[in-house]
Amino acid sequence: MEPDIWYVLVPVALALAVGTWLTRMRPRVAVDTGARHQWAVVTATTTDGVTAHVQVEYSWEGPRTRNPEALAATVADAVEDRLRRLVTTRTVPALPGLGDDLGWEEEQLVPGVRVEHVTVTTAEVEVTTELRRLVQDRGTS
């Protein structure tokens, strides 16, 4: 009677071993931890009524995440909001120029994310009647 039990125990043990091995073979999800480079573009009206178009390039590093695209979108939204506030709270002469570094390293735009090297790559204003009036007013003052 003893040899018959081995015919049952060996397949059961083998099935458990194979099942354990298969569950450990699950695909691993890659986690992105490197710095990312992105751009943000804003077109908004300055405090003196002129339409400005400003584009920046920036890099950021954040926490490990399984969904880096979602975090990248959150960071992009935060940078665009900050850039829009910058444009809408300044006059044309106070806008950043091409190549300027905005120095936002110390600001916490997104919790746990460090945004750095925010550099202006495009800085344009629309020539409108309002801009012409502002330039003429400054020339006569």
N, C-alpha and C. Protein backbone atom coordinates (compact mmCIF):
# COMPACT_ATOMS: atom_id res chain seq x y z
N MET A 1 0.81 -1.19 0.00
CA MET A 1 0.00 0.00 0.00
C MET A 1 0.86 1.26 0.00
N GLU A 2 2.05 1.21 0.51
CA GLU A 2 2.91 2.37 0.56
C GLU A 2 3.30 2.92 -0.81
N PRO A 3 3.64 2.15 -1.79
CA PRO A 3 4.03 2.71 -3.09
C PRO A 3 2.90 3.47 -3.77
N ASP A 4 1.65 3.14 -3.48
CA ASP A 4 0.55 3.84 -4.12
C ASP A 4 0.46 5.32 -3.71
N ILE A 5 0.88 5.64 -2.50
CA ILE A 5 0.81 7.03 -2.04
C ILE A 5 1.79 7.91 -2.81
N TRP A 6 2.89 7.36 -3.25
CA TRP A 6 3.87 8.13 -4.03
C TRP A 6 3.30 8.54 -5.38
N TYR A 7 2.41 7.72 -5.91
CA TYR A 7 1.79 8.06 -7.19
C TYR A 7 0.87 9.28 -7.06
N VAL A 8 0.41 9.55 -5.86
CA VAL A 8 -0.45 10.72 -5.61
C VAL A 8 0.38 11.92 -5.17
N LEU A 9 1.34 11.73 -4.26
CA LEU A 9 2.11 12.84 -3.71
C LEU A 9 3.05 13.50 -4.73
N VAL A 10 3.67 12.70 -5.57
CA VAL A 10 4.61 13.26 -6.55
C VAL A 10 3.90 14.18 -7.53
N PRO A 11 2.79 13.80 -8.15
CA PRO A 11 2.11 14.75 -9.07
C PRO A 11 1.58 16.00 -8.35
N VAL A 12 1.10 15.84 -7.11
CA VAL A 12 0.60 17.00 -6.37
C VAL A 12 1.75 17.95 -6.07
N ALA A 13 2.87 17.44 -5.61
CA ALA A 13 4.03 18.27 -5.30
C ALA A 13 4.55 18.95 -6.57
N LEU A 14 4.57 18.20 -7.66
CA LEU A 14 5.02 18.75 -8.94
C LEU A 14 4.07 19.86 -9.41
N ALA A 15 2.79 19.68 -9.27
CA ALA A 15 1.80 20.69 -9.67
C ALA A 15 1.96 21.95 -8.81
N LEU A 16 2.18 21.80 -7.52
CA LEU A 16 2.40 22.96 -6.65
C LEU A 16 3.67 23.70 -7.03
N ALA A 17 4.73 22.98 -7.32
CA ALA A 17 5.99 23.61 -7.71
C ALA A 17 5.84 24.38 -9.02
N VAL A 18 5.19 23.79 -10.00
CA VAL A 18 5.00 24.45 -11.29
C VAL A 18 4.08 25.66 -11.13
N GLY A 19 3.03 25.54 -10.35
CA GLY A 19 2.12 26.67 -10.11
C GLY A 19 2.83 27.82 -9.43
N THR A 20 3.65 27.54 -8.45
CA THR A 20 4.41 28.58 -7.76
C THR A 20 5.37 29.26 -8.73
N TRP A 21 6.04 28.47 -9.54
CA TRP A 21 6.99 29.01 -10.50
C TRP A 21 6.28 29.91 -11.53
N LEU A 22 5.12 29.49 -11.99
CA LEU A 22 4.38 30.28 -12.98
C LEU A 22 3.88 31.61 -12.41
N THR A 23 3.46 31.61 -11.16
CA THR A 23 2.96 32.86 -10.57
C THR A 23 4.11 33.85 -10.34
N ARG A 24 5.31 33.37 -10.15
CA ARG A 24 6.46 34.26 -9.98
C ARG A 24 6.99 34.77 -11.31
N MET A 25 6.52 34.22 -12.39
CA MET A 25 7.00 34.62 -13.72
C MET A 25 6.15 35.75 -14.31
N ARG A 26 5.35 36.42 -13.50
CA ARG A 26 4.55 37.55 -13.99
C ARG A 26 5.47 38.61 -14.58
N PRO A 27 5.04 39.26 -15.64
CA PRO A 27 5.89 40.30 -16.21
C PRO A 27 6.05 41.47 -15.24
N ARG A 28 7.22 41.99 -15.17
CA ARG A 28 7.51 43.11 -14.29
C ARG A 28 7.23 44.41 -15.05
N VAL A 29 6.65 45.36 -14.36
CA VAL A 29 6.35 46.65 -14.97
C VAL A 29 7.57 47.54 -14.80
N ALA A 30 8.01 48.13 -15.90
CA ALA A 30 9.16 49.03 -15.85
C ALA A 30 8.77 50.32 -15.13
N VAL A 31 9.67 50.83 -14.34
CA VAL A 31 9.44 52.07 -13.61
C VAL A 31 10.42 53.11 -14.13
N ASP A 32 9.90 54.22 -14.60
CA ASP A 32 10.73 55.27 -15.17
C ASP A 32 11.16 56.22 -14.07
N THR A 33 12.48 56.44 -13.92
CA THR A 33 12.98 57.33 -12.89
C THR A 33 13.87 58.44 -13.45
N GLY A 34 14.09 58.47 -14.76
CA GLY A 34 14.99 59.46 -15.34
C GLY A 34 14.35 60.82 -15.48
N ALA A 35 15.22 61.80 -15.71
CA ALA A 35 14.73 63.16 -15.94
C ALA A 35 14.01 63.22 -17.28
N ARG A 36 12.97 63.99 -17.34
CA ARG A 36 12.20 64.15 -18.57
C ARG A 36 12.32 65.60 -19.03
N HIS A 37 12.29 65.78 -20.34
CA HIS A 37 12.35 67.11 -20.94
C HIS A 37 11.04 67.36 -21.65
N GLN A 38 10.46 68.52 -21.39
CA GLN A 38 9.17 68.87 -22.00
C GLN A 38 9.14 70.34 -22.36
N TRP A 39 8.08 70.73 -23.06
CA TRP A 39 7.86 72.11 -23.44
C TRP A 39 6.49 72.54 -22.95
N ALA A 40 6.35 73.81 -22.70
CA ALA A 40 5.06 74.39 -22.35
C ALA A 40 4.90 75.68 -23.16
N VAL A 41 3.69 75.92 -23.65
CA VAL A 41 3.41 77.10 -24.46
C VAL A 41 2.17 77.79 -23.91
N VAL A 42 2.25 79.12 -23.81
CA VAL A 42 1.11 79.89 -23.32
C VAL A 42 0.95 81.12 -24.20
N THR A 43 -0.28 81.40 -24.55
CA THR A 43 -0.63 82.67 -25.18
C THR A 43 -1.65 83.33 -24.27
N ALA A 44 -1.28 84.52 -23.76
CA ALA A 44 -2.15 85.20 -22.79
C ALA A 44 -1.96 86.70 -22.93
N THR A 45 -2.83 87.43 -22.26
CA THR A 45 -2.80 88.89 -22.31
C THR A 45 -2.06 89.43 -21.08
N THR A 46 -1.13 90.34 -21.33
CA THR A 46 -0.37 90.96 -20.24
C THR A 46 -1.24 91.99 -19.52
N THR A 47 -0.72 92.54 -18.42
CA THR A 47 -1.50 93.52 -17.66
C THR A 47 -1.73 94.80 -18.44
N ASP A 48 -0.88 95.07 -19.43
CA ASP A 48 -1.09 96.28 -20.23
C ASP A 48 -1.86 96.00 -21.52
N GLY A 49 -2.51 94.83 -21.61
CA GLY A 49 -3.44 94.53 -22.69
C GLY A 49 -2.84 93.98 -23.97
N VAL A 50 -1.59 93.55 -23.94
CA VAL A 50 -0.92 93.03 -25.13
C VAL A 50 -0.92 91.50 -25.07
N THR A 51 -1.16 90.88 -26.22
CA THR A 51 -1.14 89.42 -26.29
C THR A 51 0.29 88.93 -26.47
N ALA A 52 0.73 88.07 -25.56
CA ALA A 52 2.09 87.53 -25.59
C ALA A 52 2.06 86.02 -25.76
N HIS A 53 3.03 85.53 -26.47
CA HIS A 53 3.18 84.09 -26.72
C HIS A 53 4.55 83.69 -26.17
N VAL A 54 4.54 82.83 -25.14
CA VAL A 54 5.79 82.43 -24.49
C VAL A 54 5.86 80.91 -24.46
N GLN A 55 7.01 80.38 -24.87
CA GLN A 55 7.25 78.93 -24.83
C GLN A 55 8.50 78.69 -24.00
N VAL A 56 8.45 77.67 -23.14
CA VAL A 56 9.61 77.30 -22.34
C VAL A 56 9.92 75.82 -22.52
N GLU A 57 11.18 75.50 -22.33
CA GLU A 57 11.63 74.12 -22.28
C GLU A 57 12.08 73.88 -20.85
N TYR A 58 11.75 72.73 -20.31
CA TYR A 58 12.12 72.45 -18.93
C TYR A 58 12.39 70.97 -18.76
N SER A 59 13.04 70.63 -17.67
CA SER A 59 13.22 69.23 -17.32
C SER A 59 12.68 69.04 -15.91
N TRP A 60 12.30 67.81 -15.63
CA TRP A 60 11.76 67.52 -14.30
C TRP A 60 12.08 66.09 -13.91
N GLU A 61 12.15 65.90 -12.62
CA GLU A 61 12.33 64.57 -12.05
C GLU A 61 11.28 64.39 -10.97
N GLY A 62 10.72 63.19 -10.93
CA GLY A 62 9.67 62.94 -9.95
C GLY A 62 9.83 61.57 -9.32
N PRO A 63 8.87 61.21 -8.51
CA PRO A 63 8.91 59.91 -7.85
C PRO A 63 8.71 58.77 -8.84
N ARG A 64 9.10 57.60 -8.43
CA ARG A 64 8.87 56.42 -9.25
C ARG A 64 7.37 56.23 -9.43
N THR A 65 7.00 55.95 -10.64
CA THR A 65 5.58 55.75 -10.91
C THR A 65 5.41 54.72 -12.01
N ARG A 66 4.32 54.02 -11.95
CA ARG A 66 4.01 53.04 -12.99
C ARG A 66 3.29 53.69 -14.17
N ASN A 67 2.89 54.94 -13.99
CA ASN A 67 2.19 55.66 -15.04
C ASN A 67 2.87 57.01 -15.27
N PRO A 68 4.06 57.02 -15.88
CA PRO A 68 4.78 58.29 -16.05
C PRO A 68 4.06 59.27 -16.96
N GLU A 69 3.23 58.79 -17.87
CA GLU A 69 2.51 59.70 -18.76
C GLU A 69 1.53 60.58 -17.99
N ALA A 70 0.85 60.00 -17.02
CA ALA A 70 -0.10 60.77 -16.21
C ALA A 70 0.63 61.83 -15.39
N LEU A 71 1.78 61.46 -14.82
CA LEU A 71 2.55 62.42 -14.04
C LEU A 71 3.10 63.52 -14.95
N ALA A 72 3.54 63.15 -16.15
CA ALA A 72 4.04 64.13 -17.11
C ALA A 72 2.94 65.14 -17.47
N ALA A 73 1.73 64.67 -17.64
CA ALA A 73 0.61 65.56 -17.95
C ALA A 73 0.32 66.50 -16.79
N THR A 74 0.40 66.00 -15.57
CA THR A 74 0.18 66.83 -14.38
C THR A 74 1.24 67.91 -14.29
N VAL A 75 2.50 67.53 -14.52
CA VAL A 75 3.60 68.50 -14.48
C VAL A 75 3.42 69.54 -15.58
N ALA A 76 3.06 69.10 -16.78
CA ALA A 76 2.87 70.04 -17.90
C ALA A 76 1.77 71.04 -17.58
N ASP A 77 0.67 70.58 -17.00
CA ASP A 77 -0.42 71.48 -16.62
C ASP A 77 0.05 72.50 -15.58
N ALA A 78 0.82 72.05 -14.60
CA ALA A 78 1.31 72.94 -13.55
C ALA A 78 2.27 73.99 -14.12
N VAL A 79 3.15 73.58 -15.02
CA VAL A 79 4.09 74.52 -15.63
C VAL A 79 3.33 75.53 -16.50
N GLU A 80 2.36 75.06 -17.28
CA GLU A 80 1.57 75.98 -18.10
C GLU A 80 0.80 76.99 -17.24
N ASP A 81 0.22 76.51 -16.14
CA ASP A 81 -0.50 77.42 -15.24
C ASP A 81 0.43 78.48 -14.67
N ARG A 82 1.62 78.06 -14.24
CA ARG A 82 2.60 78.99 -13.67
C ARG A 82 3.06 79.99 -14.73
N LEU A 83 3.28 79.51 -15.95
CA LEU A 83 3.70 80.37 -17.04
C LEU A 83 2.60 81.37 -17.41
N ARG A 84 1.36 80.91 -17.42
CA ARG A 84 0.23 81.80 -17.70
C ARG A 84 0.14 82.90 -16.65
N ARG A 85 0.32 82.53 -15.38
CA ARG A 85 0.30 83.54 -14.30
C ARG A 85 1.41 84.56 -14.48
N LEU A 86 2.59 84.08 -14.92
CA LEU A 86 3.72 84.97 -15.15
C LEU A 86 3.38 86.00 -16.23
N VAL A 87 2.80 85.55 -17.33
CA VAL A 87 2.47 86.45 -18.44
C VAL A 87 1.36 87.41 -18.04
N THR A 88 0.31 86.91 -17.39
CA THR A 88 -0.86 87.76 -17.09
C THR A 88 -0.63 88.74 -15.95
N THR A 89 0.46 88.61 -15.22
CA THR A 89 0.72 89.53 -14.11
C THR A 89 1.85 90.50 -14.41
N ARG A 90 2.31 90.53 -15.66
CA ARG A 90 3.41 91.43 -16.02
C ARG A 90 3.03 92.30 -17.21
N THR A 91 3.81 93.37 -17.35
CA THR A 91 3.69 94.22 -18.54
C THR A 91 4.66 93.68 -19.59
N VAL A 92 4.54 94.17 -20.81
CA VAL A 92 5.39 93.69 -21.90
C VAL A 92 6.88 93.85 -21.58
N PRO A 93 7.34 95.02 -21.10
CA PRO A 93 8.78 95.13 -20.82
C PRO A 93 9.27 94.19 -19.72
N ALA A 94 8.38 93.72 -18.87
CA ALA A 94 8.78 92.84 -17.77
C ALA A 94 8.72 91.35 -18.13
N LEU A 95 8.28 91.04 -19.35
CA LEU A 95 8.21 89.63 -19.77
C LEU A 95 9.61 89.05 -19.92
N PRO A 96 9.76 87.74 -19.69
CA PRO A 96 11.08 87.13 -19.88
C PRO A 96 11.43 87.12 -21.37
N GLY A 97 12.73 87.18 -21.64
CA GLY A 97 13.19 87.18 -23.02
C GLY A 97 13.73 85.83 -23.43
N LEU A 98 14.02 85.73 -24.69
CA LEU A 98 14.55 84.50 -25.28
C LEU A 98 15.84 84.09 -24.55
N GLY A 99 15.89 82.85 -24.10
CA GLY A 99 17.07 82.33 -23.41
C GLY A 99 17.08 82.54 -21.91
N ASP A 100 16.13 83.31 -21.39
CA ASP A 100 16.08 83.55 -19.93
C ASP A 100 15.74 82.27 -19.19
N ASP A 101 16.42 82.06 -18.05
CA ASP A 101 16.08 80.95 -17.16
C ASP A 101 15.15 81.52 -16.10
N LEU A 102 13.99 80.92 -15.94
CA LEU A 102 12.97 81.47 -15.05
C LEU A 102 13.22 81.16 -13.58
N GLY A 103 14.13 80.25 -13.27
CA GLY A 103 14.52 80.01 -11.88
C GLY A 103 13.41 79.48 -10.99
N TRP A 104 12.67 78.52 -11.47
CA TRP A 104 11.57 77.95 -10.68
C TRP A 104 12.00 76.74 -9.87
N GLU A 105 13.29 76.49 -9.74
CA GLU A 105 13.78 75.28 -9.05
C GLU A 105 13.28 75.17 -7.62
N GLU A 106 13.13 76.30 -6.94
CA GLU A 106 12.72 76.29 -5.54
C GLU A 106 11.21 76.18 -5.36
N GLU A 107 10.45 76.39 -6.42
CA GLU A 107 8.99 76.34 -6.32
C GLU A 107 8.51 74.89 -6.39
N GLN A 108 7.51 74.58 -5.61
CA GLN A 108 6.92 73.25 -5.59
C GLN A 108 5.66 73.27 -6.45
N LEU A 109 5.83 73.12 -7.77
CA LEU A 109 4.68 73.17 -8.68
C LEU A 109 3.80 71.93 -8.54
N VAL A 110 4.44 70.77 -8.36
CA VAL A 110 3.74 69.50 -8.16
C VAL A 110 4.41 68.81 -6.99
N PRO A 111 3.66 68.37 -5.98
CA PRO A 111 4.28 67.72 -4.82
C PRO A 111 5.14 66.52 -5.23
N GLY A 112 6.37 66.52 -4.74
CA GLY A 112 7.28 65.41 -5.00
C GLY A 112 8.01 65.49 -6.33
N VAL A 113 7.79 66.56 -7.09
CA VAL A 113 8.41 66.71 -8.41
C VAL A 113 9.30 67.94 -8.40
N ARG A 114 10.48 67.79 -8.94
CA ARG A 114 11.41 68.92 -9.05
C ARG A 114 11.47 69.37 -10.51
N VAL A 115 10.99 70.58 -10.77
CA VAL A 115 11.03 71.17 -12.11
C VAL A 115 12.26 72.07 -12.15
N GLU A 116 13.10 71.88 -13.17
CA GLU A 116 14.32 72.66 -13.24
C GLU A 116 14.65 73.06 -14.68
N HIS A 117 15.57 73.99 -14.79
CA HIS A 117 16.05 74.47 -16.08
C HIS A 117 14.90 74.94 -16.98
N VAL A 118 14.05 75.80 -16.44
CA VAL A 118 12.94 76.36 -17.21
C VAL A 118 13.51 77.52 -18.02
N THR A 119 13.67 77.28 -19.33
CA THR A 119 14.32 78.26 -20.21
C THR A 119 13.35 78.70 -21.30
N VAL A 120 13.28 80.00 -21.52
CA VAL A 120 12.40 80.56 -22.55
C VAL A 120 12.99 80.26 -23.93
N THR A 121 12.19 79.62 -24.78
CA THR A 121 12.63 79.30 -26.14
C THR A 121 11.92 80.17 -27.18
N THR A 122 10.79 80.74 -26.81
CA THR A 122 10.06 81.66 -27.69
C THR A 122 9.42 82.74 -26.82
N ALA A 123 9.56 83.99 -27.23
CA ALA A 123 8.93 85.11 -26.53
C ALA A 123 8.50 86.10 -27.59
N GLU A 124 7.21 86.16 -27.86
CA GLU A 124 6.69 87.03 -28.91
C GLU A 124 5.50 87.81 -28.38
N VAL A 125 5.30 88.99 -28.94
CA VAL A 125 4.08 89.75 -28.65
C VAL A 125 3.42 90.09 -29.98
N GLU A 126 2.10 90.17 -29.96
CA GLU A 126 1.36 90.53 -31.17
C GLU A 126 1.35 92.04 -31.31
N VAL A 127 1.67 92.48 -32.51
CA VAL A 127 1.64 93.91 -32.77
C VAL A 127 0.18 94.29 -33.03
N THR A 128 -0.37 95.02 -32.09
CA THR A 128 -1.77 95.44 -32.18
C THR A 128 -1.84 96.95 -31.98
N THR A 129 -3.00 97.48 -32.12
CA THR A 129 -3.21 98.91 -31.88
C THR A 129 -2.82 99.26 -30.45
N GLU A 130 -3.14 98.39 -29.51
CA GLU A 130 -2.82 98.64 -28.10
C GLU A 130 -1.31 98.69 -27.89
N LEU A 131 -0.56 97.80 -28.52
CA LEU A 131 0.90 97.81 -28.39
C LEU A 131 1.49 99.07 -29.01
N ARG A 132 0.99 99.45 -30.16
CA ARG A 132 1.47 100.69 -30.80
C ARG A 132 1.22 101.90 -29.89
N ARG A 133 0.05 101.93 -29.28
CA ARG A 133 -0.27 103.04 -28.37
C ARG A 133 0.68 103.05 -27.18
N LEU A 134 0.98 101.87 -26.62
CA LEU A 134 1.90 101.80 -25.48
C LEU A 134 3.29 102.27 -25.86
N VAL A 135 3.76 101.87 -27.04
CA VAL A 135 5.09 102.28 -27.49
C VAL A 135 5.13 103.78 -27.73
N GLN A 136 4.08 104.32 -28.34
CA GLN A 136 4.04 105.76 -28.58
C GLN A 136 3.97 106.54 -27.28
N ASP A 137 3.20 106.04 -26.30
CA ASP A 137 3.09 106.70 -25.00
C ASP A 137 4.44 106.74 -24.30
N ARG A 138 5.19 105.70 -24.39
CA ARG A 138 6.52 105.64 -23.75
C ARG A 138 7.48 106.57 -24.46
N GLY A 139 7.31 106.72 -25.78
CA GLY A 139 8.21 107.60 -26.54
C GLY A 139 7.97 109.07 -26.27
N THR A 140 6.74 109.41 -25.90
CA THR A 140 6.41 110.81 -25.65
C THR A 140 6.59 111.19 -24.18
N SER A 141 6.75 110.21 -23.33
CA SER A 141 6.87 110.51 -21.89
C SER A 141 8.24 111.00 -21.53
